[in-house]
Amino acid sequence: MKSGIHPEYRPVVFRDRAAGFAFLTHSTTTSEKTIEWDDGNTYPLVDVEISAASHPFYTGNTRVVDTAGRVERFERRYGKRGKN
């Protein structure tokens, strides 16, 4: 790699706020927040909204969306639309 043009690659902690799960990995991302990890060292902290710990595909907790019920509720509320 060409020196001087790449960002610093260093250990960073990513924390999934939804699941309360954190993991230490390497990244080039930056953050103003820091956290003390289990090994006693302080690392930059990046909060993420979703990770494998909280994503329904990985956890198996799927949400069923009742689209037919939503359509029927909409039609009851606003009436069916007739053909013109």
Protein backbone atom coordinates (compact mmCIF):
# COMPACT_ATOMS: atom_id res chain seq x y z
CA MET A 1 0.00 0.00 0.00
CA LYS A 2 1.07 3.53 -0.65
CA SER A 3 2.09 5.22 2.59
CA GLY A 4 0.49 8.42 3.85
CA ILE A 5 -2.82 8.22 1.95
CA HIS A 6 -4.79 5.68 4.00
CA PRO A 7 -6.64 6.37 7.27
CA GLU A 8 -5.36 4.79 10.46
CA TYR A 9 -6.55 1.20 10.98
CA ARG A 10 -6.97 0.62 14.70
CA PRO A 11 -9.08 -1.26 17.30
CA VAL A 12 -12.59 0.19 17.74
CA VAL A 13 -15.56 -0.92 19.86
CA PHE A 14 -18.94 -1.06 18.12
CA ARG A 15 -21.96 -1.07 20.45
CA ASP A 16 -25.44 -2.13 19.39
CA ARG A 17 -27.71 0.11 21.44
CA ALA A 18 -30.83 -2.01 20.78
CA ALA A 19 -29.33 -5.27 22.05
CA GLY A 20 -26.82 -3.94 24.57
CA PHE A 21 -24.12 -5.89 22.75
CA ALA A 22 -20.61 -4.60 22.07
CA PHE A 23 -17.70 -6.05 20.15
CA LEU A 24 -14.10 -5.07 19.58
CA THR A 25 -12.78 -5.09 16.03
CA HIS A 26 -10.47 -3.10 13.78
CA SER A 27 -11.74 -0.19 11.71
CA THR A 28 -10.77 3.13 10.16
CA THR A 29 -13.81 4.93 11.56
CA THR A 30 -13.36 7.75 14.07
CA SER A 31 -15.34 8.71 17.15
CA GLU A 32 -15.21 11.29 19.92
CA LYS A 33 -16.60 8.76 22.45
CA THR A 34 -14.40 6.22 24.19
CA ILE A 35 -15.02 3.16 26.32
CA GLU A 36 -12.88 1.08 28.64
CA TRP A 37 -12.90 -2.49 27.38
CA ASP A 38 -12.57 -5.73 29.38
CA ASP A 39 -8.81 -5.82 28.82
CA GLY A 40 -8.41 -2.47 30.64
CA ASN A 41 -7.56 -0.46 27.51
CA THR A 42 -9.59 2.50 26.27
CA TYR A 43 -10.90 2.36 22.69
CA PRO A 44 -12.99 4.64 20.48
CA LEU A 45 -16.71 3.80 20.72
CA VAL A 46 -19.12 3.78 17.77
CA ASP A 47 -22.83 3.30 18.52
CA VAL A 48 -24.80 1.46 15.85
CA GLU A 49 -28.55 1.03 15.61
CA ILE A 50 -28.55 -2.57 14.49
CA SER A 51 -26.09 -5.45 14.32
CA ALA A 52 -26.21 -9.23 14.07
CA ALA A 53 -27.19 -9.28 17.76
CA SER A 54 -30.48 -7.44 17.12
CA HIS A 55 -31.28 -7.91 13.42
CA PRO A 56 -34.30 -10.20 12.91
CA PHE A 57 -32.58 -12.18 10.14
CA TYR A 58 -29.77 -13.28 12.47
CA THR A 59 -31.79 -13.65 15.67
CA GLY A 60 -34.72 -15.53 14.14
CA ASN A 61 -37.22 -13.11 15.70
CA THR A 62 -39.22 -12.12 12.66
CA ARG A 63 -42.01 -9.61 12.68
CA VAL A 64 -45.15 -10.48 10.77
CA VAL A 65 -46.66 -7.55 8.94
CA ASP A 66 -50.40 -7.95 8.49
CA THR A 67 -50.83 -6.07 5.21
CA ALA A 68 -54.30 -7.48 4.55
CA GLY A 69 -55.50 -6.20 7.92
CA ARG A 70 -54.03 -2.79 7.20
CA VAL A 71 -55.77 -2.58 3.84
CA GLU A 72 -59.11 -3.62 5.35
CA ARG A 73 -58.73 -1.09 8.16
CA PHE A 74 -57.94 1.64 5.61
CA GLU A 75 -61.00 0.69 3.53
CA ARG A 76 -63.26 0.73 6.60
CA ARG A 77 -61.94 4.13 7.62
CA TYR A 78 -61.97 5.83 4.23
CA GLY A 79 -64.27 3.65 2.16
CA LYS A 80 -63.52 1.60 -0.90
CA ARG A 81 -62.54 3.42 -4.01
CA GLY A 82 -64.96 2.79 -6.88
CA LYS A 83 -64.03 2.36 -10.51
CA ASN A 84 -64.46 5.52 -12.61
